[in-house]
């Protein structure tokens, strides 16, 4: 059964359901970490659709530590650089201090990250997807702070917890608390009140017709929801009256603080704003896209809501603006205009450990596309496995700031985008996507995996490098200034210098893993993904210039007084005459 058919069936079953009040839940998961190990829980089922956000607590038996926590509602992810690999909205940093009640929270929901420090039990914060908000506890009373601290995450009805605690060896417990709606209903907010309602009367099925023109009637400060069944297309346009604010999410109901970035254009002639979902769907199924419309005014309003799928004038072109041809290539010089083929077999093609450079710093298109076909995957694996695909920035930040790789999206059997993807990795020196590959002949089962074709989209304009299969690139400049680690050991050691590469096709289990970025021995190289380039390439020149400048200043400082002294003596001689 396809993804769209399954959702239609669930909605049909719920057709007779009446609006009900959400019910509370509390789920505790116990775990342990040791020497940087990554904890991944067993599957967690909330037994309903959650009202987002959900509160999340962590408890340590002995003291307080910084903990990276992710509720992963998608496919398996790496715990290395967890803030980068965790699904949008599912990540929280939980920590506190045993002295005082001063609390502070930093919220950045644009990246889906919540950092909570010195947070007391029961303290809450509100995020805004368009800004970073700082919240401080106004209390000045000094008292002990409990080890139970709280954050908030935005999640789906099931998933796994992934936890890393870099400075701690021992046990912990993570508790999820919140409310859920019965399956077949969703948490629907209207003027600040949340009830559980079925959305069977608000289904927009674009699998049978590529356009739908509707009218939304929304009460003052109220909301209207739609479930869009979108097959594979180059784009989906959602045009709404300017009186409405639209929020879009693939796979679950959005909130104003948790929705996907959607490009939008306003048409003054029609008084309509059009929101675009790029490259929805995949070859064997479509996307289920939830749309929320909010009436921004106190009085009831009615307005048009139009849904339309679209393609490029040339069906072989893809992506926003139709700049890229779906023709595949292994020529890096044409990769910006065509889809570049990756090789996941270590020892061949791009997977021999050598990175391939792509300078698209002046590109007009929004994405560069890559493909990892089944023919370029190992054929001798006895079970399901993983393939690392890594992207790094070629331009080092010479100001001393953090060099960050361009954001990358991955999707099985379909071109990904910022609005439609299975994986998104961003914010690290190397953005390494680890995709699962299901070996169906071995009888293995892996969530979000398949023997199909993985596609990748990299945000442009950018100047970046890519490699697949291996962990780090270019043998870390032949280990001249650094090394690559596979879990806690050197990759050269665990692979017997490339003779046994099985570890490269496993999900990392320790945060000591390099995650694609070589660990440089010299701080001057630590912004280089393979430790081959100094952070400041002109440092020697700067030292010389500073030395010369200093010498000039010193000469002036000494020369001017001496000159003035002799001039004064000469003037005195003339005065005596």
Protein backbone atom coordinates (compact mmCIF):
# COMPACT_ATOMS: atom_id res chain seq x y z
CA UNK A 1 0.00 0.00 0.00
CA UNK A 2 1.36 3.42 -0.92
CA UNK A 3 1.91 6.17 1.62
CA UNK A 4 -1.01 8.20 0.24
CA UNK A 5 -3.40 5.21 0.23
CA UNK A 6 -2.56 4.42 3.86
CA UNK A 7 -3.32 7.98 4.99
CA UNK A 8 -6.60 8.04 3.03
CA UNK A 9 -7.62 4.79 4.77
CA UNK A 10 -6.87 6.18 8.23
CA UNK A 11 -8.79 9.38 7.50
CA UNK A 12 -11.76 7.41 6.15
CA UNK A 13 -11.91 5.29 9.32
CA UNK A 14 -11.96 8.50 11.38
CA UNK A 15 -14.78 10.05 9.34
CA UNK A 16 -17.34 9.41 12.05
CA UNK A 17 -15.10 10.62 14.88
CA UNK A 18 -16.19 13.69 16.82
CA UNK A 19 -13.89 16.40 18.14
CA UNK A 20 -12.42 15.30 21.48
CA UNK A 21 -10.03 16.77 24.02
CA UNK A 22 -6.39 15.57 23.88
CA UNK A 23 -5.29 13.17 26.60
CA UNK A 24 -2.04 13.33 28.55
CA UNK A 25 0.87 10.89 28.35
CA UNK A 26 4.20 10.35 30.05
CA UNK A 27 6.82 7.93 28.69
CA UNK A 28 10.15 7.25 30.38
CA UNK A 29 13.14 5.68 28.64
CA UNK A 30 16.23 4.55 30.55
CA UNK A 31 19.68 4.45 28.96
CA UNK A 32 23.39 4.64 29.56
CA UNK A 33 26.47 6.01 27.83
CA UNK A 34 30.13 5.22 28.30
CA UNK A 35 33.29 6.78 26.83
CA UNK A 36 31.39 8.77 24.23
CA UNK A 37 29.01 6.01 23.15
CA UNK A 38 25.78 6.92 21.35
CA UNK A 39 22.53 5.71 22.93
CA UNK A 40 19.64 4.82 20.62
CA UNK A 41 16.43 3.64 22.23
CA UNK A 42 14.00 0.97 21.16
CA UNK A 43 11.04 2.25 19.10
CA UNK A 44 8.74 4.56 21.06
CA UNK A 45 5.04 4.67 20.16
CA UNK A 46 3.00 7.52 21.65
CA UNK A 47 -0.24 5.63 20.88
CA UNK A 48 -1.65 8.73 19.23
CA UNK A 49 -0.84 11.93 17.34
CA UNK A 50 1.06 14.35 19.59
CA UNK A 51 0.11 17.95 20.37
CA UNK A 52 3.34 19.81 19.61
CA UNK A 53 5.56 20.83 21.22
CA UNK A 54 6.16 17.96 23.66
CA UNK A 55 8.05 18.45 26.94
CA UNK A 56 11.23 16.44 27.43
CA UNK A 57 13.16 15.88 30.67
CA UNK A 58 16.45 14.20 31.48
CA UNK A 59 17.50 12.87 34.87
CA UNK A 60 20.98 11.87 36.02
CA UNK A 61 21.44 9.86 39.22
CA UNK A 62 24.57 11.68 40.40
CA UNK A 63 25.17 15.14 38.93
CA UNK A 64 24.21 17.39 36.03
CA UNK A 65 25.69 17.22 32.54
CA UNK A 66 25.13 18.66 29.09
CA UNK A 67 23.08 16.14 27.14
CA UNK A 68 22.31 16.17 23.41
CA UNK A 69 18.88 14.61 22.95
CA UNK A 70 17.01 13.92 19.72
CA UNK A 71 13.59 12.42 19.19
CA UNK A 72 14.03 10.92 15.75
CA UNK A 73 10.71 10.48 13.97
CA UNK A 74 12.39 9.50 10.68
CA UNK A 75 14.93 6.97 9.46
CA UNK A 76 18.07 5.93 11.36
CA UNK A 77 20.50 8.79 11.99
CA UNK A 78 24.06 9.24 13.20
CA UNK A 79 24.58 10.55 16.72
CA UNK A 80 27.80 12.24 15.59
CA UNK A 81 27.03 15.98 15.27
CA UNK A 82 23.53 15.21 16.54
CA UNK A 83 22.35 18.81 16.24
CA UNK A 84 23.06 18.59 12.51
CA UNK A 85 21.55 15.16 11.81
CA UNK A 86 18.44 15.25 14.02
CA UNK A 87 15.14 15.86 12.20
CA UNK A 88 13.84 19.41 12.19
CA UNK A 89 12.42 20.31 15.61
CA UNK A 90 13.44 17.09 17.36
CA UNK A 91 16.72 18.23 18.96
CA UNK A 92 17.28 19.66 22.46
CA UNK A 93 20.34 20.37 24.59
CA UNK A 94 19.40 19.70 28.19
CA UNK A 95 21.58 20.94 31.03
CA UNK A 96 21.33 22.70 34.39
CA UNK A 97 23.40 23.98 37.29
CA UNK A 98 23.17 23.05 40.98
CA UNK A 99 23.47 26.67 42.15
CA UNK A 100 20.70 29.26 41.91
CA UNK A 101 17.41 29.45 40.02
CA UNK A 102 18.51 31.78 37.24
CA UNK A 103 17.31 30.16 34.04
CA UNK A 104 18.02 30.89 30.41
CA UNK A 105 16.82 29.34 27.18
CA UNK A 106 18.01 29.92 23.65
CA UNK A 107 15.58 28.94 20.94
CA UNK A 108 16.35 28.68 17.25
CA UNK A 109 13.45 26.90 15.63
CA UNK A 110 14.60 27.84 12.14
CA UNK A 111 17.16 25.05 12.58
CA UNK A 112 14.83 23.12 14.86
CA UNK A 113 17.22 23.47 17.81
CA UNK A 114 16.34 24.20 21.42
CA UNK A 115 19.18 24.85 23.85
CA UNK A 116 18.07 24.80 27.47
CA UNK A 117 20.51 25.78 30.23
CA UNK A 118 19.88 26.19 33.95
CA UNK A 119 16.28 25.18 33.30
CA UNK A 120 14.15 24.36 36.33
CA UNK A 121 11.44 21.75 36.24
CA UNK A 122 8.22 23.34 35.06
CA UNK A 123 9.85 26.30 33.34
CA UNK A 124 8.51 26.78 29.82
CA UNK A 125 9.54 28.85 26.83
CA UNK A 126 7.95 29.86 23.56
CA UNK A 127 9.89 29.81 20.31
CA UNK A 128 9.52 31.82 17.14
CA UNK A 129 10.70 30.36 13.87
CA UNK A 130 11.89 33.72 12.55
CA UNK A 131 14.06 34.88 15.45
CA UNK A 132 16.31 33.80 18.28
CA UNK A 133 14.61 34.45 21.60
CA UNK A 134 16.31 34.65 24.99
CA UNK A 135 14.17 33.93 28.04
CA UNK A 136 15.39 34.62 31.55
CA UNK A 137 13.87 33.57 34.86
CA UNK A 138 12.93 36.74 36.76
CA UNK A 139 13.39 35.04 40.13
CA UNK A 140 16.46 36.12 42.11
CA UNK A 141 16.05 33.56 44.90
CA UNK A 142 19.05 31.29 45.37
CA UNK A 143 18.14 27.67 45.96
CA UNK A 144 19.11 24.22 44.72
CA UNK A 145 17.99 23.25 41.24
CA UNK A 146 16.60 19.78 40.59
CA UNK A 147 18.43 17.46 38.19
CA UNK A 148 15.17 17.09 36.26
CA UNK A 149 15.34 19.71 33.50
CA UNK A 150 12.97 20.39 30.66
CA UNK A 151 13.10 21.22 26.99
CA UNK A 152 10.59 21.04 24.16
CA UNK A 153 10.65 19.06 20.93
CA UNK A 154 8.39 18.82 17.89
CA UNK A 155 7.78 15.21 16.94
CA UNK A 156 5.61 12.67 15.13
CA UNK A 157 3.60 9.83 16.69
CA UNK A 158 6.55 7.41 16.88
CA UNK A 159 10.32 7.32 16.73
CA UNK A 160 13.49 6.65 18.72
CA UNK A 161 15.51 8.67 21.21
CA UNK A 162 19.15 9.31 20.36
CA UNK A 163 21.26 10.63 23.25
CA UNK A 164 24.90 11.66 23.64
CA UNK A 165 26.49 13.00 26.84
CA UNK A 166 30.13 13.82 26.06
CA UNK A 167 31.33 14.28 29.66
CA UNK A 168 29.42 11.51 31.39
CA UNK A 169 29.69 7.76 31.92
CA UNK A 170 26.63 6.19 33.48
CA UNK A 171 22.87 5.89 33.40
CA UNK A 172 20.13 8.42 32.77
CA UNK A 173 16.43 8.56 32.07
CA UNK A 174 14.58 10.66 29.51
CA UNK A 175 10.90 11.43 29.96
CA UNK A 176 8.50 12.65 27.29
CA UNK A 177 5.36 14.39 28.55
CA UNK A 178 2.52 15.91 26.62
CA UNK A 179 -0.84 15.24 25.03
CA UNK A 180 -2.00 13.11 22.13
CA UNK A 181 -5.06 12.78 19.92
CA UNK A 182 -6.49 9.37 18.97
CA UNK A 183 -5.17 8.00 15.68
CA UNK A 184 -7.39 9.17 12.84
CA UNK A 185 -7.65 12.62 14.42
CA UNK A 186 -5.13 15.44 14.65
CA UNK A 187 -4.48 18.29 17.10
CA UNK A 188 -6.35 21.23 15.57
CA UNK A 189 -5.80 24.69 17.02
CA UNK A 190 -8.51 27.29 16.72
CA UNK A 191 -8.17 30.68 18.41
CA UNK A 192 -5.72 29.21 20.91
CA UNK A 193 -7.78 26.11 21.80
CA UNK A 194 -6.66 22.63 20.74
CA UNK A 195 -9.08 19.80 20.04
CA UNK A 196 -8.72 16.46 18.24
CA UNK A 197 -10.51 16.42 14.91
CA UNK A 198 -10.60 14.26 11.80
CA UNK A 199 -9.57 15.95 8.56
CA UNK A 200 -11.45 13.69 6.17
CA UNK A 201 -13.49 16.62 4.84
CA UNK A 202 -10.36 18.60 4.09
CA UNK A 203 -8.50 16.18 1.82
CA UNK A 204 -7.05 17.69 -1.35
CA UNK A 205 -6.30 14.71 -3.60
CA UNK A 206 -4.03 15.80 -6.45
CA UNK A 207 -3.38 12.23 -7.60
CA UNK A 208 -6.47 12.37 -9.82
CA UNK A 209 -6.44 16.07 -10.73
CA UNK A 210 -3.42 18.36 -10.76
CA UNK A 211 -5.38 21.43 -9.62
CA UNK A 212 -8.00 22.20 -6.96
CA UNK A 213 -9.65 25.59 -6.40
CA UNK A 214 -11.33 25.96 -3.00
CA UNK A 215 -12.71 28.64 -0.70
CA UNK A 216 -11.71 28.79 2.97
CA UNK A 217 -14.08 30.36 5.51
CA UNK A 218 -12.21 30.97 8.76
CA UNK A 219 -13.50 32.49 12.00
CA UNK A 220 -11.72 35.41 13.68
CA UNK A 221 -8.17 34.37 14.65
CA UNK A 222 -9.19 30.85 13.67
CA UNK A 223 -7.48 28.18 11.56
CA UNK A 224 -8.28 25.86 8.67
CA UNK A 225 -6.34 22.69 7.86
CA UNK A 226 -5.89 20.71 4.64
CA UNK A 227 -4.29 17.34 3.87
CA UNK A 228 -2.77 17.41 0.38
CA UNK A 229 -2.03 14.15 -1.44
CA UNK A 230 0.75 15.20 -3.81
CA UNK A 231 2.23 12.77 -6.36
CA UNK A 232 5.69 13.21 -7.81
CA UNK A 233 5.99 16.62 -9.50
CA UNK A 234 8.48 19.42 -9.97
CA UNK A 235 6.54 21.75 -7.70
CA UNK A 236 3.31 22.25 -5.80
CA UNK A 237 1.94 25.81 -5.57
CA UNK A 238 -0.43 26.73 -2.74
CA UNK A 239 -2.02 30.13 -3.37
CA UNK A 240 -4.02 31.76 -0.57
CA UNK A 241 -5.69 35.09 0.12
CA UNK A 242 -3.33 37.64 1.68
CA UNK A 243 -5.61 37.73 4.74
CA UNK A 244 -4.39 34.24 5.63
CA UNK A 245 -1.02 33.08 6.94
CA UNK A 246 0.00 29.64 5.64
CA UNK A 247 2.15 27.01 7.38
CA UNK A 248 3.27 23.85 5.56
CA UNK A 249 4.69 20.55 6.84
CA UNK A 250 5.29 17.22 5.13
CA UNK A 251 3.94 14.22 7.04
CA UNK A 252 2.35 15.96 10.03
CA UNK A 253 0.31 18.99 11.09
CA UNK A 254 2.40 22.17 11.36
CA UNK A 255 2.34 24.88 14.00
CA UNK A 256 3.37 28.55 13.65
CA UNK A 257 6.64 27.62 15.41
CA UNK A 258 7.23 24.39 13.48
CA UNK A 259 6.76 24.52 9.73
CA UNK A 260 8.92 24.14 6.66
CA UNK A 261 10.46 27.17 4.95
CA UNK A 262 8.39 27.70 1.82
CA UNK A 263 9.34 30.25 -0.85
CA UNK A 264 6.42 32.61 -1.42
CA UNK A 265 5.49 35.39 -3.83
CA UNK A 266 2.76 38.00 -3.49
CA UNK A 267 0.64 39.03 -6.47
CA UNK A 268 -0.83 42.51 -5.98
CA UNK A 269 -3.28 42.04 -8.86
CA UNK A 270 -4.96 38.99 -7.34
CA UNK A 271 -4.18 39.77 -3.67
CA UNK A 272 -2.88 36.20 -3.39
CA UNK A 273 0.30 34.83 -1.87
CA UNK A 274 1.73 31.65 -3.41
CA UNK A 275 3.72 29.18 -1.29
CA UNK A 276 5.84 26.60 -3.16
CA UNK A 277 6.76 23.04 -2.24
CA UNK A 278 9.60 21.98 -4.55
CA UNK A 279 9.91 18.43 -5.97
CA UNK A 280 7.27 16.66 -3.86
CA UNK A 281 6.79 12.90 -4.06
CA UNK A 282 8.88 10.01 -5.36
CA UNK A 283 8.61 7.38 -8.06
CA UNK A 284 6.51 4.87 -6.11
CA UNK A 285 4.47 7.19 -3.89
CA UNK A 286 3.62 10.79 -3.18
CA UNK A 287 3.95 13.16 -0.25
CA UNK A 288 1.28 13.80 2.35
CA UNK A 289 1.48 17.55 2.95
CA UNK A 290 -0.39 19.28 5.76
CA UNK A 291 -1.35 22.94 5.30
CA UNK A 292 -2.58 25.23 8.05
CA UNK A 293 -4.20 28.58 7.25
CA UNK A 294 -4.56 31.19 10.01
CA UNK A 295 -6.92 34.14 9.86
CA UNK A 296 -4.84 37.08 11.05
CA UNK A 297 -7.90 39.21 11.84
CA UNK A 298 -10.57 39.23 14.57
CA UNK A 299 -13.48 39.11 12.11
CA UNK A 300 -14.46 36.02 10.07
CA UNK A 301 -13.04 35.94 6.56
CA UNK A 302 -13.50 33.93 3.39
CA UNK A 303 -10.84 33.66 0.72
CA UNK A 304 -9.57 31.57 -2.15
CA UNK A 305 -7.21 28.62 -1.65
CA UNK A 306 -5.78 27.12 -4.83
CA UNK A 307 -3.61 24.01 -5.18
CA UNK A 308 -1.69 23.27 -8.39
CA UNK A 309 1.03 20.80 -9.38
CA UNK A 310 3.49 21.90 -12.03
CA UNK A 311 6.39 20.77 -14.18
CA UNK A 312 9.14 22.39 -16.22
CA UNK A 313 8.55 23.33 -19.88
CA UNK A 314 11.03 20.59 -20.67
CA UNK A 315 10.00 17.54 -18.66
CA UNK A 316 13.65 16.47 -18.38
CA UNK A 317 14.48 19.56 -16.30
CA UNK A 318 14.13 19.63 -12.53
CA UNK A 319 14.25 21.92 -9.52
CA UNK A 320 13.27 25.52 -8.81
CA UNK A 321 13.55 27.60 -11.95
CA UNK A 322 14.13 24.43 -14.04
CA UNK A 323 17.86 25.20 -14.24
CA UNK A 324 19.07 21.59 -13.96
CA UNK A 325 18.71 18.73 -16.42
CA UNK A 326 17.91 15.28 -15.05
CA UNK A 327 20.60 13.90 -17.37
CA UNK A 328 23.21 12.12 -15.25
CA UNK A 329 26.93 12.72 -15.57
CA UNK A 330 30.31 11.84 -14.08
CA UNK A 331 31.84 15.04 -15.44
CA UNK A 332 32.30 17.44 -12.54
CA UNK A 333 32.54 20.43 -14.89
CA UNK A 334 28.88 19.99 -15.96
CA UNK A 335 27.56 18.93 -12.55
CA UNK A 336 25.92 22.27 -11.90
CA UNK A 337 23.59 21.79 -14.86
CA UNK A 338 23.23 17.99 -14.66
CA UNK A 339 22.86 15.31 -11.98
CA UNK A 340 26.26 14.02 -10.83
CA UNK A 341 26.61 10.26 -10.25
CA UNK A 342 28.16 9.21 -6.92
CA UNK A 343 29.93 5.91 -6.31
CA UNK A 344 29.41 4.18 -2.94
CA UNK A 345 31.84 1.30 -3.56
CA UNK A 346 35.01 2.03 -1.60
CA UNK A 347 38.03 1.82 -3.84
CA UNK A 348 36.32 2.94 -7.02
CA UNK A 349 35.40 6.27 -8.57
CA UNK A 350 34.79 9.07 -6.12
CA UNK A 351 34.80 6.52 -3.28
CA UNK A 352 38.54 5.97 -3.36
CA UNK A 353 38.72 8.67 -0.70
CA UNK A 354 39.39 11.55 -3.07
CA UNK A 355 36.97 14.48 -2.84
CA UNK A 356 35.58 16.06 -6.01
CA UNK A 357 35.31 19.86 -6.08
CA UNK A 358 32.33 21.83 -7.37
CA UNK A 359 32.60 25.60 -7.56
CA UNK A 360 29.00 26.76 -7.90
CA UNK A 361 29.54 29.99 -5.99
CA UNK A 362 27.95 31.95 -8.84
CA UNK A 363 25.22 29.43 -9.69
CA UNK A 364 21.74 30.68 -10.52
CA UNK A 365 19.93 27.53 -9.39
CA UNK A 366 19.00 26.81 -5.77
CA UNK A 367 20.33 23.24 -5.70
CA UNK A 368 23.01 21.00 -7.18
CA UNK A 369 21.79 17.40 -7.52
CA UNK A 370 23.57 14.08 -6.97
CA UNK A 371 22.46 10.48 -7.36
CA UNK A 372 23.64 7.23 -5.75
CA UNK A 373 22.22 4.42 -7.94
CA UNK A 374 22.01 0.76 -6.82
CA UNK A 375 24.59 -0.15 -9.45
CA UNK A 376 27.15 1.92 -7.52
CA UNK A 377 26.61 0.12 -4.22
CA UNK A 378 28.49 -2.90 -2.79
CA UNK A 379 27.13 -6.22 -4.04
CA UNK A 380 28.81 -8.43 -1.43
CA UNK A 381 27.02 -7.25 1.72
CA UNK A 382 25.28 -9.98 3.72
CA UNK A 383 22.86 -7.69 5.51
CA UNK A 384 21.45 -4.19 5.40
CA UNK A 385 24.09 -1.50 5.67
CA UNK A 386 24.77 2.23 5.48
CA UNK A 387 26.59 4.48 3.04
CA UNK A 388 28.24 7.76 4.03
CA UNK A 389 27.89 10.69 1.63
CA UNK A 390 29.78 13.81 2.71
CA UNK A 391 29.77 17.46 1.66
CA UNK A 392 32.27 20.12 2.78
CA UNK A 393 32.89 23.80 2.13
CA UNK A 394 35.98 24.57 0.02
CA UNK A 395 36.08 28.17 1.27
CA UNK A 396 37.62 28.51 4.71
CA UNK A 397 36.42 31.34 6.93
CA UNK A 398 39.60 33.43 7.21
CA UNK A 399 38.12 35.59 9.97
CA UNK A 400 38.43 32.79 12.51
CA UNK A 401 34.74 31.90 12.46
CA UNK A 402 33.28 28.44 11.97
CA UNK A 403 33.46 27.13 8.41
CA UNK A 404 30.12 25.45 7.64
CA UNK A 405 29.31 23.12 4.75
CA UNK A 406 26.24 23.84 2.59
CA UNK A 407 23.01 22.23 3.74
CA UNK A 408 22.28 18.88 2.09
CA UNK A 409 18.97 17.02 1.65
CA UNK A 410 18.51 13.34 0.75
CA UNK A 411 15.47 11.41 -0.47
CA UNK A 412 14.90 7.84 -1.61
CA UNK A 413 13.60 7.54 -5.19
CA UNK A 414 12.92 11.24 -5.66
CA UNK A 415 14.67 14.59 -5.91
CA UNK A 416 14.80 16.27 -2.49
CA UNK A 417 14.30 19.90 -1.56
CA UNK A 418 13.96 22.06 1.52
CA UNK A 419 10.30 21.08 1.64
CA UNK A 420 10.46 17.38 0.70
CA UNK A 421 13.21 15.09 1.99
CA UNK A 422 14.00 12.05 4.12
CA UNK A 423 17.20 13.48 5.60
CA UNK A 424 18.51 16.98 6.15
CA UNK A 425 22.01 17.69 7.52
CA UNK A 426 23.28 21.20 8.17
CA UNK A 427 25.50 23.33 10.37
CA UNK A 428 28.72 21.27 10.53
CA UNK A 429 32.20 21.57 9.07
CA UNK A 430 31.29 18.45 7.06
CA UNK A 431 27.62 17.64 6.49
CA UNK A 432 27.68 13.86 6.31
CA UNK A 433 24.48 12.05 5.35
CA UNK A 434 24.41 8.34 6.25
CA UNK A 435 21.72 6.63 4.20
CA UNK A 436 20.41 3.12 4.94
CA UNK A 437 20.48 0.48 2.24
CA UNK A 438 18.18 -2.51 2.65
CA UNK A 439 19.58 -5.78 1.36
CA UNK A 440 16.30 -7.50 0.53
CA UNK A 441 18.02 -10.77 -0.36
CA UNK A 442 19.29 -11.03 3.22
CA UNK A 443 15.79 -10.72 4.63
CA UNK A 444 16.63 -7.56 6.58
CA UNK A 445 14.21 -4.83 7.50
CA UNK A 446 15.29 -1.24 8.03
CA UNK A 447 13.09 1.84 8.43
CA UNK A 448 13.30 4.35 5.57
CA UNK A 449 15.60 2.06 3.61
CA UNK A 450 15.39 0.43 0.25
CA UNK A 451 17.35 -1.01 -2.60
CA UNK A 452 16.23 1.97 -4.66
CA UNK A 453 18.04 5.14 -5.68
CA UNK A 454 19.11 7.86 -3.26
CA UNK A 455 19.12 11.46 -4.49
CA UNK A 456 20.86 14.42 -2.84
CA UNK A 457 20.37 18.17 -3.18
CA UNK A 458 22.99 20.68 -2.01
CA UNK A 459 22.06 24.30 -1.46
CA UNK A 460 23.72 26.72 -3.87
CA UNK A 461 25.36 29.09 -4.57
CA UNK A 462 28.28 27.41 -2.80
CA UNK A 463 31.80 26.12 -3.40
CA UNK A 464 32.01 22.59 -2.01
CA UNK A 465 33.51 19.11 -2.25
CA UNK A 466 31.80 15.71 -2.12
CA UNK A 467 32.87 12.12 -1.51
CA UNK A 468 31.01 8.89 -0.78
CA UNK A 469 31.70 5.53 0.87
CA UNK A 470 34.74 6.54 2.91
CA UNK A 471 34.50 8.49 6.14
CA UNK A 472 37.01 11.31 5.56
CA UNK A 473 38.47 12.64 2.32
CA UNK A 474 41.93 12.64 0.77
CA UNK A 475 43.44 10.47 3.55
CA UNK A 476 43.44 13.65 5.66
CA UNK A 477 46.13 15.14 3.42
CA UNK A 478 48.07 11.85 3.78
CA UNK A 479 47.85 12.31 7.57
CA UNK A 480 50.24 15.25 7.33
CA UNK A 481 48.29 17.35 9.85
CA UNK A 482 45.52 15.06 11.09
CA UNK A 483 43.72 11.72 11.12
CA UNK A 484 40.31 10.18 10.51
CA UNK A 485 38.52 8.21 13.22
CA UNK A 486 35.97 5.44 12.72
CA UNK A 487 34.25 5.37 16.11
CA UNK A 488 37.11 5.43 18.66
CA UNK A 489 39.90 4.11 16.45
CA UNK A 490 41.84 5.38 13.47
CA UNK A 491 40.08 4.38 10.26
CA UNK A 492 43.40 3.17 8.87
CA UNK A 493 43.61 0.74 11.79
CA UNK A 494 40.02 -0.52 11.72
CA UNK A 495 40.08 -1.03 7.95
CA UNK A 496 43.59 -2.58 7.94
CA UNK A 497 44.68 0.26 5.63
CA UNK A 498 41.67 -0.23 3.36
CA UNK A 499 41.74 -4.03 3.18
CA UNK A 500 38.66 -4.57 5.38
CA UNK A 501 36.16 -1.75 4.81
CA UNK A 502 33.14 -3.24 6.62
CA UNK A 503 33.29 -0.60 9.38
CA UNK A 504 32.77 2.13 6.77
CA UNK A 505 29.31 0.66 6.02
CA UNK A 506 28.16 0.70 9.66
CA UNK A 507 26.33 3.42 11.57
CA UNK A 508 28.80 5.12 13.97
CA UNK A 509 28.30 4.16 17.62
CA UNK A 510 30.62 6.71 19.26
CA UNK A 511 30.89 10.51 19.10
CA UNK A 512 34.66 10.16 18.64
CA UNK A 513 33.89 9.25 15.02
CA UNK A 514 35.13 11.95 12.66
CA UNK A 515 31.78 12.30 10.90
CA UNK A 516 33.61 13.14 7.67
CA UNK A 517 35.87 15.86 9.13
CA UNK A 518 39.51 14.95 9.74
CA UNK A 519 40.73 15.65 13.25
CA UNK A 520 43.60 18.08 12.75
CA UNK A 521 46.68 17.98 14.99
CA UNK A 522 47.39 21.67 14.36
CA UNK A 523 44.75 24.27 15.27
CA UNK A 524 45.82 26.29 12.23
CA UNK A 525 44.17 23.63 10.03
CA UNK A 526 41.03 22.81 12.04
CA UNK A 527 38.68 24.68 9.67
CA UNK A 528 39.85 22.52 6.77
CA UNK A 529 37.80 19.34 6.25
CA UNK A 530 40.90 17.29 5.31
CA UNK A 531 43.53 19.27 7.32
CA UNK A 532 45.21 20.36 4.08
CA UNK A 533 44.70 24.11 4.29
CA UNK A 534 45.47 26.63 6.99
CA UNK A 535 42.60 28.59 8.47
CA UNK A 536 44.46 31.78 7.58
CA UNK A 537 46.55 31.08 4.48
CA UNK A 538 48.18 34.52 4.65
CA UNK A 539 49.34 34.27 8.26
CA UNK A 540 53.03 34.26 7.31
CA UNK A 541 52.55 37.31 5.10
CA UNK A 542 50.66 39.04 7.90
CA UNK A 543 53.51 38.35 10.33
CA UNK A 544 56.03 39.81 7.89
CA UNK A 545 53.86 42.88 7.28
CA UNK A 546 53.38 43.39 11.01
CA UNK A 547 57.14 43.09 11.59
CA UNK A 548 57.91 45.59 8.81
CA UNK A 549 55.23 47.94 10.08
CA UNK A 550 56.60 47.68 13.59
CA UNK A 551 60.11 48.46 12.35
CA UNK A 552 58.82 51.54 10.51
CA UNK A 553 56.99 52.79 13.60
CA UNK A 554 60.08 52.19 15.73
CA UNK A 555 62.29 54.04 13.25
CA UNK A 556 59.91 56.99 13.22
CA UNK A 557 59.70 56.97 17.02
CA UNK A 558 63.50 57.14 17.29
CA UNK A 559 64.21 59.27 14.21
CA UNK A 560 61.86 62.16 14.91
CA UNK A 561 63.32 63.06 18.33
CA UNK A 562 66.88 62.77 16.98
CA UNK A 563 66.02 64.98 14.01
CA UNK A 564 64.41 67.56 16.28
CA UNK A 565 67.46 67.51 18.59
CA UNK A 566 69.94 68.35 15.80
CA UNK A 567 67.61 70.96 14.34
CA UNK A 568 67.38 72.68 17.71
CA UNK A 569 71.20 72.70 18.09
CA UNK A 570 71.59 74.24 14.64
CA UNK A 571 69.03 76.93 15.47
CA UNK A 572 70.82 77.72 18.76
CA UNK A 573 74.14 78.19 16.90
CA UNK A 574 72.55 80.73 14.56
CA UNK A 575 71.02 82.58 17.50
CA UNK A 576 74.44 83.05 19.12
CA UNK A 577 75.88 84.52 15.95
